[in-house]
Amino acid sequence: MVNNNEISPFAVTSFRGHEKVFGIKDDDRRRHMYLIGKTGMGKSNTIEHMAIYDIQHNRGVAVVDPHGESVEKIIKFVPKSRINDVVYFNPADLNYPIAFNVLEKVSPEYRHLVSSGLLGVFKKIWADSWGPRLEYVLNNAIMALLEYPGSTLLGIMRILTDKIFRKKVISKITDPVVKSFWINEFSKYPDRFQAEAIAPIQNKVGRFLSSSMMRNIVGQIKSSIDLRSIMDDKKIFLLNLSKGRIGEDNSALLGAMIITKLQLAAMSRVDIPEEQRNDFYLYVDEFQNFATESFVNILSEARKYRLNLILAHQYILQLDEKVAAGIFGNIGTICSFRVGAEDAEFLEKEFEPRFMQNDLVNLPKFHMYLKLMIDGISSEPFSAKGIAPLPIPGESQEVVDKIIKITRERYTTKKDIIEDKISRWSGVMDVEEEDKEKKVDRSWPKERSNLDANINSPSSSQSPKVQAICDNCGAETVLNFEPDPRKPIYCKKCLKDIKEKRINSSRPAARPNSNIPRKEISLAEAFKKQPVDFKNRSRPSPGGAG
């Protein structure tokens, strides 16, 4: 049974020289928390303290950190009893990428949320060069891929340039508006207009996908992390999206995609009664990097699904106008550290008459003014101080090493394997491999293809089973042989079609009149030696007939 009155401490208040730690009830945390203040004023320290408290009290937690420092500190406080609960998502661990496919298994009613979330972060990153035509084409590309099995973000580039792949995707589209766009509109664009329409998308989306780090994460068909399971089982999801290691744009894109999928995972909890939903606490530091217009939906709907947000950033102008309105309209607890003059003017409306603009700009470090949600009602503003940073445990490095090892074993695949799969999916073969094939000694027996191996595969008891992805339809299949990475792989259904086509096409066509003897003539007889009059367009026919 959930105790809604359990208190999570996060600050200290002082009265007549006596300091007392205070906190917020679990039920009030469901109305979310918002922290604002200049850099270095204590926001991250408050987030770290609250997240560590939740972790040590067996709660479900996700921390999205665009700097990486808070996550690297929080992970050191994980109790040994909870090491197996941690999923440490570190894109900078290049040799062991975690699979995260934002397009995987999205219910029809939520597809527009994924599309708007992706478009929102793309628009945020390229605000200066964003246009309506780019958004229109990109939205239809994403909506189409959401209906095609085995799609990833890599498909965005392919659906725009590969006519065969586009035809396969169109055959799976059920949305009449999206299907009409690809059949009746895009396919009828003149080549020049089509090239102009897709060039901005290739330039922008291609920038992300050209990075092997991003490609190896978002290009895998099946995600290795189940966000719904993480929420329901009260696991610990730590995202180290350090801008310095993976780049600012990559950090923003990954963070926005994961937050969108967390929202979808939370909304899917509609299949269980509200009182049985475990609280899950989502901490987002510097959240302006991930805050798109679709973020307003999370703020307004997350409470009923027990997704509780703790958001922090530096100043209000970092936010879109709609997002800012959504925050101050839905947030229960507001904590203000020292802010600039413009923010103080805005926040004064929340804290007056107790605290005025001058008070907000002169707060000492680690001090805050806050309006605390108490039993569903916002309190009068009061002052407090953040709890002092906790000392690092002595065995912290041993814990961190174990967590990284377990995460690699359970949730990652080696880089070489992923890159090979993506190359085969893209239809790309290294020049070296092509050269090897050209240099094969033809006196040796012809090497058996994956198609032949599928047709004549031995019994399952004699060969190991190998998991693979069909290169034709993207479905998962099991092989009874070790596939050749240079050759395509097919599932049973596609194999049957390919086999029939190969057998039919292998039958030699009848050659009419093949038994009629032909008269052999010389070249001189075939072409009569006479000058050709180029002014006269007619030419002499072979054999001299004019």
Foldseek 3Di string as FASTA:
>chain_A
DDDQQDFQWWFWDDDPRDIDTGGFGNLQLLLFEEEAAAPQQCQLLSVLSRQLSCQVVLFAEEEQDQAQPSLVQSLLSHDPVFLLLEFEQELLVQFWHFADALLAPDDPVCQVLLLQLLLQLLCVVPVVPDDPLLSVLQSLLSLLQSQAALRFLVVSVCCLPPVVVVVNSLVRDDPVVSNCCVPVNQVPDPPVVSCVSCVVVCVRSVVQCVDLSSCLHGVGRDGLDDLLCSQQSRGYYYYRSRCVRPNLSVSLNVVSSVVSVNLSSLVVCVVDDQVSGGAHEYEYEQCLSNDGLSVLVCLVPVSSSNYRYHYYHYADVSHDPNSSVSCVVRRQKYKAGAHDQVRQQVCQVVQPPVDHSVRNNPHHRQKIWMFGQDPNDTHHIDITGTDDRDDRDPCSVVSVVSSVVSNSVRRTDGSVVSVLQSCLLVVHDDPVVVVVVVPDDPVDPDDDALLNCQVPPDDLVVAPWDWDAASPRRHIAIHRYDHDSVHGHHHPVVSVVVVVVVVVVPDDDDDPPPVPDDDDDDPCQQCPPDDFDVVDVDGQHTRRHD
